[in-house]
Amino acid sequence: MRILVALAVLLAGTAAMAQDKTPLNAADSDPVRLGWMQGFPPAADKQVRWDNSSMWAFPKTRWSFSHWRELMPSTAVRRSGPISVFPRAERRDIDAITLVPLGATTPMTWEQSLAANYTDGIVVLHKGRIVYERYFGALKPDGLHIAFSVTKSFVGTLAEILIAEGKLDPQRTMASYVPELAGSGFGDATVRQVMDMRTGIAFDEAYGGIDGDVFRMSLAMGGVPRPKDYAGPDGIFANVASLKKAGAHGGDWVYRTPNTDALAWVLEQVAGQSIAAQIEARFWSKLGMEQDASLQVDPVGTGFTGGGFSPALRDMARFGEMLRLGGRWQGAEIIPAAAMAAIRKGGDAPAFVAAKYPGLAGGSYASQWWHRAGGQFMAVGIHGQGIYIDPKAEMVIARFGSHPVATNRVINVTTLPAYDALAAHLSGR
């Protein structure tokens, strides 16, 4: 029980830290400055480990997020072909752009906003050119970083591709594709309801607590060490199949990670390939990526599609730029036009209202993508990960972070005004 309590405290630590005391700032929590995992071997008090869950505790997360595949089992997502090099037109005036965070009155600069949100790396593309690129802490240009729930948007994109190709029917039930889901809360949900996170499954996406659904999911997938007497679900799909129904499907939008894991199960059945293999075949082998990526796997080898993808930053920007260009890359169609139209369309705005996300008034969620009222769409991951696509401004931003608080309700307050200010600046507004 002491071990379980310790693990729960570590998983809940970021939220508790925000409530109880001010965490170290970006400069003081710099993983290089603090000496995490330096030396051969590192000193005991400088180690970041999976087996005691210290990898989840801030400020050690500032190292672990940039070294995920050294701590978690994963499978490779391999690149191939010539590298597609971005042209550069770097702007020295960006750091001085000013913005006012939501709910604040005091302005800050773009450069200050990066520190405020514990940015590990950021790349800004404007009209296909790199205009800004920075790395901080443990992340280097050729390094990988955990993208957390940005992974979901890759899965949603794959789903829309299969729908456009006539291989997946969004109105069919989940159990019609995966019979193992028949007795679960997902059984009678449609594929579309799962894609848009409008299911009524019994799952609370709240971090912390040894009785929480997220903690139980982490135990099932091997994200944290299991106690010796563990008798719960063994693996991601087993956990998904164990979830029950708490209400009707098709209601208001509610964010629940198992929706993505269940969707991935269907996609793997339909395509006859793992999600890692599909990302490799559809994207990493076609976009001139620089680095192999990786996808975290559970104890039985299933990819964690709800949040386990680790790409390099510029490669994540390539994926975003391809979407900005309508699903095409260097003259080739990567995403069918019908799939792109579905992704760009967004979801049911009234169903999203109750979520009350800062900066997303009038927005929606669909196909595992977040949508703003102005036509921008985003892939978003906890602790500050993201792909931000602003078609009107011809701007794409890829960002990695290690903010001490998990929820983007906190991070959006600064990030979205910063992105709006940058879009206006680059567009000459």
Protein backbone atom coordinates (compact mmCIF):
# COMPACT_ATOMS: atom_id res chain seq x y z
CA MET A 1 0.00 0.00 0.00
CA ARG A 2 2.89 2.37 0.75
CA ILE A 3 4.20 1.77 -2.78
CA LEU A 4 0.78 2.48 -4.31
CA VAL A 5 0.40 5.65 -2.29
CA ALA A 6 3.86 6.82 -3.36
CA LEU A 7 3.04 6.18 -7.00
CA ALA A 8 -0.26 8.02 -6.73
CA VAL A 9 1.45 10.99 -5.12
CA LEU A 10 3.94 11.14 -7.98
CA LEU A 11 1.21 10.97 -10.61
CA ALA A 12 -0.80 13.65 -8.83
CA GLY A 13 2.25 15.69 -7.95
CA THR A 14 1.96 18.27 -10.69
CA ALA A 15 -1.55 19.28 -9.70
CA ALA A 16 -0.72 19.28 -6.00
CA MET A 17 2.37 21.37 -6.62
CA ALA A 18 0.32 24.03 -8.35
CA GLN A 19 -2.01 24.19 -5.36
CA ASP A 20 0.48 23.97 -2.48
CA LYS A 21 3.52 25.92 -3.61
CA THR A 22 5.11 27.61 -6.54
CA PRO A 23 7.27 25.13 -8.50
CA LEU A 24 10.75 25.92 -9.70
CA ASN A 25 10.68 28.19 -12.73
CA ALA A 26 11.96 27.11 -16.15
CA ALA A 27 15.51 28.30 -15.52
CA ASP A 28 15.83 26.79 -12.05
CA SER A 29 14.29 23.47 -13.14
CA ASP A 30 16.56 23.12 -16.18
CA PRO A 31 17.52 19.41 -16.24
CA VAL A 32 21.09 20.11 -17.32
CA ARG A 33 21.54 22.63 -14.53
CA LEU A 34 20.12 20.18 -11.99
CA GLY A 35 22.36 17.39 -13.26
CA TRP A 36 19.74 14.73 -13.87
CA MET A 37 21.18 11.49 -15.26
CA GLN A 38 24.70 12.87 -15.69
CA GLY A 39 27.69 10.62 -15.08
CA PHE A 40 28.50 6.96 -15.72
CA PRO A 41 26.51 5.86 -13.79
CA PRO A 42 24.55 8.86 -12.53
CA ALA A 43 24.68 9.46 -8.78
CA ALA A 44 21.77 7.91 -6.90
CA ASP A 45 20.24 11.30 -6.07
CA LYS A 46 20.43 12.36 -9.73
CA GLN A 47 18.71 9.34 -11.24
CA VAL A 48 15.38 9.45 -13.10
CA ARG A 49 13.75 6.02 -13.00
CA TRP A 50 10.68 4.06 -14.03
CA ASP A 51 10.76 1.52 -11.21
CA ASN A 52 10.10 4.11 -8.50
CA SER A 53 8.02 6.42 -10.76
CA SER A 54 10.43 9.32 -10.18
CA MET A 55 10.22 9.90 -13.94
CA TRP A 56 6.73 11.32 -13.32
CA ALA A 57 7.79 13.79 -10.62
CA PHE A 58 8.59 17.42 -11.49
CA PRO A 59 11.30 18.64 -11.99
CA LYS A 60 12.63 15.24 -13.12
CA THR A 61 9.98 15.28 -15.84
CA ARG A 62 12.06 17.97 -17.52
CA TRP A 63 14.57 15.20 -18.29
CA SER A 64 12.26 12.20 -18.67
CA PHE A 65 10.00 13.76 -21.32
CA SER A 66 13.02 14.14 -23.62
CA HIS A 67 14.25 10.57 -22.92
CA TRP A 68 11.01 8.58 -22.96
CA ARG A 69 12.24 5.60 -24.94
CA GLU A 70 15.05 5.10 -22.41
CA LEU A 71 12.48 4.65 -19.67
CA MET A 72 9.50 2.99 -21.40
CA PRO A 73 9.37 0.00 -23.76
CA SER A 74 8.60 1.13 -27.31
CA THR A 75 8.45 0.11 -30.92
CA ALA A 76 10.13 1.99 -33.75
CA VAL A 77 8.34 4.11 -36.34
CA ARG A 78 10.96 4.30 -39.06
CA ARG A 79 11.63 7.07 -41.53
CA SER A 80 12.75 6.37 -45.10
CA GLY A 81 13.76 8.21 -48.25
CA PRO A 82 15.51 11.57 -48.71
CA ILE A 83 15.09 14.12 -45.94
CA SER A 84 12.81 17.01 -46.85
CA VAL A 85 14.71 20.06 -45.65
CA PHE A 86 12.71 23.13 -44.66
CA PRO A 87 13.91 26.42 -46.13
CA ARG A 88 14.75 29.01 -43.49
CA ALA A 89 13.75 32.63 -43.15
CA GLU A 90 14.39 33.16 -39.45
CA ARG A 91 12.96 36.24 -37.80
CA ARG A 92 14.84 37.99 -35.01
CA ASP A 93 11.83 40.14 -34.14
CA ILE A 94 9.64 37.31 -32.82
CA ASP A 95 11.03 37.20 -29.27
CA ALA A 96 9.90 40.79 -28.68
CA ILE A 97 6.26 40.25 -29.73
CA THR A 98 3.96 41.14 -26.83
CA LEU A 99 0.81 39.39 -25.64
CA VAL A 100 -1.51 39.44 -22.65
CA PRO A 101 -2.34 36.05 -21.09
CA LEU A 102 -6.04 35.25 -20.72
CA GLY A 103 -7.43 36.82 -17.56
CA ALA A 104 -4.33 38.95 -17.01
CA THR A 105 -3.63 42.64 -17.47
CA THR A 106 0.16 42.61 -17.58
CA PRO A 107 1.71 41.89 -20.98
CA MET A 108 4.63 39.57 -21.57
CA THR A 109 6.87 38.93 -24.54
CA TRP A 110 6.86 35.85 -26.76
CA GLU A 111 10.25 34.90 -25.28
CA GLN A 112 8.84 35.16 -21.75
CA SER A 113 5.84 33.04 -22.72
CA LEU A 114 8.14 30.17 -23.68
CA ALA A 115 9.70 30.16 -20.23
CA ALA A 116 6.32 30.58 -18.53
CA ASN A 117 5.14 27.37 -20.17
CA TYR A 118 8.38 25.42 -19.64
CA THR A 119 9.02 25.01 -23.34
CA ASP A 120 11.49 22.25 -24.27
CA GLY A 121 11.42 22.98 -27.99
CA ILE A 122 9.44 24.97 -30.52
CA VAL A 123 9.45 25.33 -34.30
CA VAL A 124 7.38 27.92 -36.16
CA LEU A 125 6.69 27.58 -39.88
CA HIS A 126 5.32 30.43 -41.96
CA LYS A 127 4.45 29.66 -45.56
CA GLY A 128 6.53 26.50 -45.27
CA ARG A 129 9.68 28.19 -44.01
CA ILE A 130 11.21 27.94 -40.56
CA VAL A 131 10.99 31.41 -39.07
CA TYR A 132 11.72 30.43 -35.48
CA GLU A 133 13.33 27.41 -33.78
CA ARG A 134 14.50 27.02 -30.19
CA TYR A 135 15.50 24.16 -27.88
CA PHE A 136 15.83 24.19 -24.11
CA GLY A 137 16.84 21.87 -21.29
CA ALA A 138 17.42 18.25 -22.24
CA LEU A 139 16.01 18.44 -25.79
CA LYS A 140 18.27 18.71 -28.83
CA PRO A 141 17.28 19.16 -32.51
CA ASP A 142 17.83 15.46 -33.24
CA GLY A 143 16.16 14.27 -30.04
CA LEU A 144 12.76 12.70 -29.51
CA HIS A 145 10.21 13.93 -26.96
CA ILE A 146 7.04 12.33 -25.66
CA ALA A 147 4.07 13.99 -27.40
CA PHE A 148 1.44 12.57 -25.03
CA SER A 149 -2.07 13.13 -26.43
CA VAL A 150 -0.84 14.66 -29.67
CA THR A 151 -0.71 10.94 -30.47
CA LYS A 152 -4.51 10.91 -30.52
CA SER A 153 -4.62 13.22 -33.54
CA PHE A 154 -2.43 10.84 -35.54
CA VAL A 155 -4.93 8.07 -34.73
CA GLY A 156 -7.88 10.27 -35.68
CA THR A 157 -6.21 11.15 -38.96
CA LEU A 158 -5.68 7.46 -39.74
CA ALA A 159 -9.36 6.83 -39.02
CA GLU A 160 -10.48 9.55 -41.43
CA ILE A 161 -8.18 8.13 -44.11
CA LEU A 162 -9.69 4.67 -43.74
CA ILE A 163 -13.18 6.17 -43.88
CA ALA A 164 -12.31 8.07 -47.08
CA GLU A 165 -10.93 4.85 -48.58
CA GLY A 166 -14.19 3.04 -47.84
CA LYS A 167 -12.55 0.63 -45.39
CA LEU A 168 -14.15 1.98 -42.22
CA ASP A 169 -17.81 2.85 -41.63
CA PRO A 170 -18.12 5.55 -38.94
CA GLN A 171 -21.76 4.62 -38.23
CA ARG A 172 -21.06 0.99 -37.41
CA THR A 173 -20.74 -0.02 -33.78
CA MET A 174 -17.41 -0.72 -32.15
CA ALA A 175 -18.41 -4.30 -31.32
CA SER A 176 -19.16 -4.99 -34.98
CA TYR A 177 -15.46 -4.50 -35.65
CA VAL A 178 -14.03 -5.83 -32.38
CA PRO A 179 -16.26 -8.53 -30.83
CA GLU A 180 -14.24 -8.38 -27.61
CA LEU A 181 -15.86 -4.98 -26.96
CA ALA A 182 -19.42 -6.35 -27.01
CA GLY A 183 -19.64 -6.62 -23.24
CA SER A 184 -17.91 -3.30 -22.56
CA GLY A 185 -19.16 0.25 -22.43
CA PHE A 186 -17.88 0.72 -25.96
CA GLY A 187 -19.87 -2.11 -27.51
CA ASP A 188 -22.86 -0.14 -28.80
CA ALA A 189 -21.01 3.15 -29.43
CA THR A 190 -20.47 4.08 -33.06
CA VAL A 191 -17.00 4.59 -34.44
CA ARG A 192 -17.85 8.28 -34.99
CA GLN A 193 -18.94 8.76 -31.39
CA VAL A 194 -15.61 7.33 -30.25
CA MET A 195 -13.64 9.44 -32.74
CA ASP A 196 -15.34 12.59 -31.45
CA MET A 197 -15.15 11.62 -27.75
CA ARG A 198 -18.89 11.63 -27.27
CA THR A 199 -19.23 8.28 -25.53
CA GLY A 200 -20.82 7.53 -22.20
CA ILE A 201 -18.17 5.18 -20.86
CA ALA A 202 -17.42 5.11 -17.15
CA PHE A 203 -13.99 6.78 -17.05
CA ASP A 204 -12.88 9.95 -15.27
CA GLU A 205 -9.83 11.61 -16.82
CA ALA A 206 -8.60 12.95 -13.48
CA TYR A 207 -4.96 12.51 -12.56
CA GLY A 208 -4.00 11.28 -9.11
CA GLY A 209 -5.29 8.91 -6.46
CA ILE A 210 -4.79 5.16 -6.14
CA ASP A 211 -8.49 4.63 -6.87
CA GLY A 212 -8.54 6.80 -9.99
CA ASP A 213 -9.30 5.56 -13.48
CA VAL A 214 -6.12 7.08 -14.91
CA PHE A 215 -4.01 5.32 -12.30
CA ARG A 216 -5.71 2.00 -13.04
CA MET A 217 -5.10 2.57 -16.75
CA SER A 218 -1.42 3.26 -16.00
CA LEU A 219 -1.14 0.00 -14.06
CA ALA A 220 -2.77 -1.96 -16.89
CA MET A 221 -0.46 -0.55 -19.54
CA GLY A 222 2.72 -0.74 -17.47
CA GLY A 223 3.16 3.02 -17.18
CA VAL A 224 3.90 2.59 -13.49
CA PRO A 225 5.16 -0.47 -11.57
CA ARG A 226 2.51 -2.97 -10.55
CA PRO A 227 2.23 -4.28 -6.97
CA LYS A 228 2.99 -7.97 -6.53
CA ASP A 229 -0.66 -8.82 -5.96
CA TYR A 230 -1.91 -6.93 -9.04
CA ALA A 231 -4.91 -8.70 -10.57
CA GLY A 232 -6.27 -6.02 -12.90
CA PRO A 233 -6.39 -5.88 -16.69
CA ASP A 234 -3.16 -6.89 -18.42
CA GLY A 235 -2.58 -4.42 -21.22
CA ILE A 236 -4.29 -1.54 -22.95
CA PHE A 237 -6.92 -3.52 -24.84
CA ALA A 238 -7.80 -5.54 -21.73
CA ASN A 239 -8.33 -2.28 -19.86
CA VAL A 240 -10.54 -0.90 -22.64
CA ALA A 241 -12.64 -4.07 -22.68
CA SER A 242 -13.10 -3.85 -18.90
CA LEU A 243 -14.69 -0.38 -18.94
CA LYS A 244 -18.43 -0.10 -18.41
CA LYS A 245 -21.08 2.30 -19.64
CA ALA A 246 -22.16 5.18 -17.39
CA GLY A 247 -24.55 7.02 -19.70
CA ALA A 248 -25.87 7.37 -23.22
CA HIS A 249 -23.50 7.78 -26.15
CA GLY A 250 -23.75 10.85 -28.37
CA GLY A 251 -24.12 13.46 -25.64
CA ASP A 252 -21.76 16.27 -24.68
CA TRP A 253 -18.07 15.99 -25.43
CA VAL A 254 -16.01 14.55 -22.57
CA TYR A 255 -12.28 13.92 -22.84
CA ARG A 256 -11.43 10.29 -22.14
CA THR A 257 -8.18 8.66 -23.29
CA PRO A 258 -9.63 5.10 -23.61
CA ASN A 259 -11.73 6.36 -26.54
CA THR A 260 -8.53 6.59 -28.56
CA ASP A 261 -7.25 3.21 -27.42
CA ALA A 262 -10.57 1.61 -28.39
CA LEU A 263 -10.52 3.38 -31.76
CA ALA A 264 -6.98 2.15 -32.38
CA TRP A 265 -8.13 -1.42 -31.72
CA VAL A 266 -10.70 -1.04 -34.50
CA LEU A 267 -8.18 0.54 -36.88
CA GLU A 268 -5.69 -2.25 -36.33
CA GLN A 269 -8.38 -4.84 -37.08
CA VAL A 270 -9.50 -3.02 -40.23
CA ALA A 271 -6.03 -2.28 -41.59
CA GLY A 272 -4.37 -5.49 -40.42
CA GLN A 273 -1.46 -3.41 -39.09
CA SER A 274 -0.45 -1.94 -35.79
CA ILE A 275 -0.90 1.82 -35.35
CA ALA A 276 2.88 2.20 -35.32
CA ALA A 277 3.11 0.44 -38.68
CA GLN A 278 0.29 2.59 -40.08
CA ILE A 279 1.95 5.85 -38.97
CA GLU A 280 5.17 4.62 -40.54
CA ALA A 281 3.55 3.58 -43.83
CA ARG A 282 1.24 6.59 -44.18
CA PHE A 283 3.44 9.40 -42.86
CA TRP A 284 6.98 8.64 -41.68
CA SER A 285 7.98 6.95 -44.93
CA LYS A 286 6.47 9.68 -47.13
CA LEU A 287 7.21 13.09 -45.60
CA GLY A 288 11.01 13.15 -45.68
CA MET A 289 11.28 12.85 -41.91
CA GLU A 290 14.67 13.35 -40.24
CA GLN A 291 14.42 10.84 -37.40
CA ASP A 292 12.82 7.53 -36.59
CA ALA A 293 10.06 8.01 -34.03
CA SER A 294 8.85 5.59 -31.36
CA LEU A 295 5.56 4.47 -29.85
CA GLN A 296 5.35 3.27 -26.27
CA VAL A 297 4.01 -0.28 -25.88
CA ASP A 298 2.32 -2.14 -23.04
CA PRO A 299 3.44 -5.48 -21.54
CA VAL A 300 1.89 -7.42 -24.43
CA GLY A 301 3.32 -5.15 -27.14
CA THR A 302 0.24 -3.03 -27.88
CA GLY A 303 1.01 0.58 -28.76
CA PHE A 304 -0.21 3.27 -26.38
CA THR A 305 -2.16 5.32 -28.91
CA GLY A 306 -3.74 7.54 -26.29
CA GLY A 307 -0.44 9.25 -25.59
CA GLY A 308 2.74 7.26 -26.27
CA PHE A 309 4.20 8.73 -29.47
CA SER A 310 7.69 10.27 -29.41
CA PRO A 311 8.78 12.12 -32.58
CA ALA A 312 11.45 14.72 -33.28
CA LEU A 313 10.22 18.31 -33.25
CA ARG A 314 10.82 19.22 -36.90
CA ASP A 315 9.21 15.94 -37.97
CA MET A 316 6.10 16.83 -36.00
CA ALA A 317 6.15 20.18 -37.78
CA ARG A 318 6.32 18.38 -41.15
CA PHE A 319 3.17 16.47 -40.30
CA GLY A 320 1.44 19.74 -39.39
CA GLU A 321 2.61 21.46 -42.55
CA MET A 322 1.31 18.60 -44.68
CA LEU A 323 -2.10 19.10 -43.08
CA ARG A 324 -1.94 22.86 -43.67
CA LEU A 325 -1.29 22.10 -47.33
CA GLY A 326 -4.51 20.10 -47.56
CA GLY A 327 -3.02 16.66 -47.01
CA ARG A 328 -0.48 16.93 -49.83
CA TRP A 329 3.32 16.84 -49.74
CA GLN A 330 5.61 17.66 -52.63
CA GLY A 331 2.89 16.95 -55.17
CA ALA A 332 1.72 13.68 -53.63
CA GLU A 333 -1.58 13.05 -51.87
CA ILE A 334 -0.90 11.83 -48.34
CA ILE A 335 -4.40 12.32 -46.94
CA PRO A 336 -7.45 12.01 -49.25
CA ALA A 337 -9.37 15.23 -49.83
CA ALA A 338 -12.48 13.81 -48.15
CA ALA A 339 -10.49 12.96 -45.02
CA MET A 340 -8.97 16.44 -44.93
CA ALA A 341 -12.40 18.01 -45.30
CA ALA A 342 -13.67 15.97 -42.35
CA ILE A 343 -10.71 16.96 -40.19
CA ARG A 344 -10.97 20.64 -41.09
CA LYS A 345 -14.74 20.73 -40.56
CA GLY A 346 -14.58 20.37 -36.81
CA GLY A 347 -17.24 19.02 -34.51
CA ASP A 348 -20.47 19.93 -32.78
CA ALA A 349 -19.81 23.28 -31.07
CA PRO A 350 -22.84 23.10 -28.72
CA ALA A 351 -21.63 19.70 -27.46
CA PHE A 352 -18.27 21.28 -26.58
CA VAL A 353 -19.60 24.31 -24.66
CA ALA A 354 -19.77 22.65 -21.25
CA ALA A 355 -16.04 21.86 -21.35
CA LYS A 356 -15.21 25.57 -20.95
CA TYR A 357 -11.60 25.34 -22.12
CA PRO A 358 -9.73 28.69 -21.92
CA GLY A 359 -9.25 30.18 -25.37
CA LEU A 360 -11.59 27.71 -27.06
CA ALA A 361 -14.92 29.54 -26.82
CA GLY A 362 -16.96 28.64 -29.90
CA GLY A 363 -14.61 25.77 -30.63
CA SER A 364 -15.19 22.04 -30.94
CA TYR A 365 -13.55 18.63 -31.03
CA ALA A 366 -13.78 16.02 -33.76
CA SER A 367 -11.71 13.23 -35.30
CA GLN A 368 -9.36 13.48 -32.31
CA TRP A 369 -8.51 17.11 -33.21
CA TRP A 370 -9.24 20.31 -31.27
CA HIS A 371 -10.78 23.23 -33.18
CA ARG A 372 -10.88 26.96 -32.44
CA ALA A 373 -13.66 29.25 -33.63
CA GLY A 374 -11.28 31.05 -36.02
CA GLY A 375 -10.57 27.94 -38.11
CA GLN A 376 -7.35 26.93 -36.37
CA PHE A 377 -7.02 23.28 -35.40
CA MET A 378 -4.69 21.60 -32.96
CA ALA A 379 -3.25 18.38 -31.68
CA VAL A 380 -2.78 18.80 -27.93
CA GLY A 381 -0.92 16.84 -25.26
CA ILE A 382 -0.60 17.33 -21.51
CA HIS A 383 2.30 19.33 -20.07
CA GLY A 384 2.45 21.53 -23.18
CA GLN A 385 2.80 19.33 -26.28
CA GLY A 386 1.13 20.47 -29.47
CA ILE A 387 0.77 20.93 -33.19
CA TYR A 388 -1.00 24.20 -34.02
CA ILE A 389 -2.26 24.86 -37.55
CA ASP A 390 -3.54 28.30 -38.55
CA PRO A 391 -4.54 28.10 -42.23
CA LYS A 392 -5.41 31.81 -42.53
CA ALA A 393 -2.04 32.90 -41.16
CA GLU A 394 -0.25 30.13 -43.15
CA MET A 395 1.41 29.20 -39.88
CA VAL A 396 2.27 25.88 -38.23
CA ILE A 397 3.74 25.53 -34.76
CA ALA A 398 5.16 22.34 -33.25
CA ARG A 399 5.93 22.49 -29.57
CA PHE A 400 7.22 20.28 -26.76
CA GLY A 401 7.06 21.23 -23.10
CA SER A 402 7.40 19.96 -19.56
CA HIS A 403 5.07 22.22 -17.62
CA PRO A 404 4.70 21.02 -14.00
CA VAL A 405 0.89 21.02 -14.32
CA ALA A 406 -0.58 18.46 -16.69
CA THR A 407 -3.76 20.14 -17.85
CA ASN A 408 -3.77 22.46 -20.84
CA ARG A 409 -6.47 24.49 -19.08
CA VAL A 410 -3.50 26.13 -17.36
CA ILE A 411 -1.18 26.17 -20.36
CA ASN A 412 -3.71 27.57 -22.88
CA VAL A 413 -3.94 30.77 -20.85
CA THR A 414 -0.54 31.81 -22.17
CA THR A 415 -0.01 29.63 -25.24
CA LEU A 416 -3.09 30.60 -27.25
CA PRO A 417 -2.66 34.40 -26.84
CA ALA A 418 1.00 33.92 -27.82
CA TYR A 419 0.00 32.02 -30.96
CA ASP A 420 -2.61 34.64 -31.85
CA ALA A 421 -0.06 37.44 -31.41
CA LEU A 422 2.46 35.59 -33.56
CA ALA A 423 -0.11 34.91 -36.29
CA ALA A 424 -1.02 38.61 -36.39
CA HIS A 425 2.64 39.59 -36.50
CA LEU A 426 3.54 37.19 -39.31
CA SER A 427 0.45 38.23 -41.27
CA GLY A 428 1.26 41.92 -40.93
CA ARG A 429 -1.87 42.64 -38.92
